[in-house]
Amino acid sequence: MVMTQYVKLLWDFYGKDSKKTSEHHLIHLIDFLKSNDISCEESGIDNTSEDQFSTFIVINMIKINIIKDNLKPNRAFLHGQK
């Protein structure tokens, strides 16, 4: 049985408009994934503090270079296997 490794990629936004910016960024991330035929296991917005929000996606580790090279996430974490 082949195990698939997933990675969570995050883009951080700061300031009073960080929530709106993060929500808007998520729309563009989903569009990018669709146009590049990349499946997304999970996506959303994380709230770190009142003035910090992060947009995130969870994708197959195999596709990380496409995202990393084109969209330059701020952070990445291993997100388990299936």
C-alpha atoms as a PDB file:
ATOM      1  CA  MET A   1       0.000   0.000   0.000  1.00  0.00           C
ATOM      2  CA  VAL A   2       1.396   3.407  -1.029  1.00  0.00           C
ATOM      3  CA  MET A   3       1.158   6.178   1.553  1.00  0.00           C
ATOM      4  CA  THR A   4       0.617   9.728   0.317  1.00  0.00           C
ATOM      5  CA  GLN A   5       2.304  12.539   2.258  1.00  0.00           C
ATOM      6  CA  TYR A   6       0.451  15.861   2.584  1.00  0.00           C
ATOM      7  CA  VAL A   7       1.760  19.327   3.322  1.00  0.00           C
ATOM      8  CA  LYS A   8      -0.018  22.388   4.725  1.00  0.00           C
ATOM      9  CA  LEU A   9       1.095  25.637   3.071  1.00  0.00           C
ATOM     10  CA  LEU A  10       0.340  29.003   4.678  1.00  0.00           C
ATOM     11  CA  TRP A  11       0.389  32.646   3.573  1.00  0.00           C
ATOM     12  CA  ASP A  12       0.407  35.147   6.446  1.00  0.00           C
ATOM     13  CA  PHE A  13      -1.333  38.537   6.483  1.00  0.00           C
ATOM     14  CA  TYR A  14      -1.049  41.226   9.148  1.00  0.00           C
ATOM     15  CA  GLY A  15      -2.950  44.367  10.078  1.00  0.00           C
ATOM     16  CA  LYS A  16      -6.512  45.560  10.393  1.00  0.00           C
ATOM     17  CA  ASP A  17      -7.513  44.217   6.955  1.00  0.00           C
ATOM     18  CA  SER A  18      -5.720  40.885   7.332  1.00  0.00           C
ATOM     19  CA  LYS A  19      -8.947  38.862   7.568  1.00  0.00           C
ATOM     20  CA  LYS A  20     -10.391  40.298   4.331  1.00  0.00           C
ATOM     21  CA  THR A  21      -7.034  39.964   2.583  1.00  0.00           C
ATOM     22  CA  SER A  22      -6.719  36.355   3.683  1.00  0.00           C
ATOM     23  CA  GLU A  23     -10.254  35.524   2.497  1.00  0.00           C
ATOM     24  CA  HIS A  24      -9.587  37.150  -0.877  1.00  0.00           C
ATOM     25  CA  HIS A  25      -6.244  35.359  -1.232  1.00  0.00           C
ATOM     26  CA  LEU A  26      -7.989  32.021  -0.683  1.00  0.00           C
ATOM     27  CA  ILE A  27     -10.178  32.664  -3.744  1.00  0.00           C
ATOM     28  CA  HIS A  28      -7.070  33.133  -5.892  1.00  0.00           C
ATOM     29  CA  LEU A  29      -5.373  30.056  -4.415  1.00  0.00           C
ATOM     30  CA  ILE A  30      -8.366  27.870  -5.262  1.00  0.00           C
ATOM     31  CA  ASP A  31      -8.444  29.311  -8.806  1.00  0.00           C
ATOM     32  CA  PHE A  32      -4.726  28.550  -9.216  1.00  0.00           C
ATOM     33  CA  LEU A  33      -5.208  24.975  -8.007  1.00  0.00           C
ATOM     34  CA  LYS A  34      -8.107  24.410 -10.418  1.00  0.00           C
ATOM     35  CA  SER A  35      -6.272  25.879 -13.400  1.00  0.00           C
ATOM     36  CA  ASN A  36      -3.241  23.677 -12.665  1.00  0.00           C
ATOM     37  CA  ASP A  37      -5.295  20.534 -11.965  1.00  0.00           C
ATOM     38  CA  ILE A  38      -4.036  20.255  -8.370  1.00  0.00           C
ATOM     39  CA  SER A  39      -6.375  18.656  -5.862  1.00  0.00           C
ATOM     40  CA  CYS A  40      -6.681  20.226  -2.452  1.00  0.00           C
ATOM     41  CA  GLU A  41      -7.453  18.109   0.608  1.00  0.00           C
ATOM     42  CA  GLU A  42      -8.346  21.096   2.775  1.00  0.00           C
ATOM     43  CA  SER A  43      -8.294  24.900   2.580  1.00  0.00           C
ATOM     44  CA  GLY A  44      -9.303  27.805   4.745  1.00  0.00           C
ATOM     45  CA  ILE A  45      -8.366  30.701   6.978  1.00  0.00           C
ATOM     46  CA  ASP A  46      -6.535  30.471  10.317  1.00  0.00           C
ATOM     47  CA  ASN A  47      -6.828  33.228  12.908  1.00  0.00           C
ATOM     48  CA  THR A  48      -3.622  33.625  14.893  1.00  0.00           C
ATOM     49  CA  SER A  49      -4.503  36.920  16.568  1.00  0.00           C
ATOM     50  CA  GLU A  50      -6.760  39.928  16.097  1.00  0.00           C
ATOM     51  CA  ASP A  51      -4.390  41.372  13.486  1.00  0.00           C
ATOM     52  CA  GLN A  52      -2.976  38.193  11.944  1.00  0.00           C
ATOM     53  CA  PHE A  53      -4.749  35.781   9.632  1.00  0.00           C
ATOM     54  CA  SER A  54      -3.335  33.047   7.429  1.00  0.00           C
ATOM     55  CA  THR A  55      -4.681  31.445   4.293  1.00  0.00           C
ATOM     56  CA  PHE A  56      -3.869  27.742   4.008  1.00  0.00           C
ATOM     57  CA  ILE A  57      -4.155  24.784   1.666  1.00  0.00           C
ATOM     58  CA  VAL A  58      -3.320  21.126   2.212  1.00  0.00           C
ATOM     59  CA  ILE A  59      -1.998  19.367  -0.883  1.00  0.00           C
ATOM     60  CA  ASN A  60      -0.157  16.229  -1.915  1.00  0.00           C
ATOM     61  CA  MET A  61       3.583  16.648  -1.262  1.00  0.00           C
ATOM     62  CA  ILE A  62       4.278  15.716  -4.904  1.00  0.00           C
ATOM     63  CA  LYS A  63       2.811  19.070  -6.038  1.00  0.00           C
ATOM     64  CA  ILE A  64       4.722  21.262  -3.576  1.00  0.00           C
ATOM     65  CA  ASN A  65       7.242  22.645  -6.099  1.00  0.00           C
ATOM     66  CA  ILE A  66       4.516  24.022  -8.375  1.00  0.00           C
ATOM     67  CA  ILE A  67       3.021  25.957  -5.462  1.00  0.00           C
ATOM     68  CA  LYS A  68       6.320  26.903  -3.829  1.00  0.00           C
ATOM     69  CA  ASP A  69       7.886  28.215  -7.041  1.00  0.00           C
ATOM     70  CA  ASN A  70       4.834  30.138  -8.240  1.00  0.00           C
ATOM     71  CA  LEU A  71       3.044  31.313  -5.090  1.00  0.00           C
ATOM     72  CA  LYS A  72       5.802  31.471  -2.465  1.00  0.00           C
ATOM     73  CA  PRO A  73       4.055  30.456   0.784  1.00  0.00           C
ATOM     74  CA  ASN A  74       5.393  31.896   4.036  1.00  0.00           C
ATOM     75  CA  ARG A  75       5.331  28.582   5.906  1.00  0.00           C
ATOM     76  CA  ALA A  76       4.872  24.848   5.310  1.00  0.00           C
ATOM     77  CA  PHE A  77       4.234  21.897   7.624  1.00  0.00           C
ATOM     78  CA  LEU A  78       3.904  18.174   7.055  1.00  0.00           C
ATOM     79  CA  HIS A  79       0.240  17.318   7.469  1.00  0.00           C
ATOM     80  CA  GLY A  80       0.124  13.556   7.758  1.00  0.00           C
ATOM     81  CA  GLN A  81      -0.306  10.578   5.457  1.00  0.00           C
ATOM     82  CA  LYS A  82      -3.185   8.674   3.908  1.00  0.00           C
END
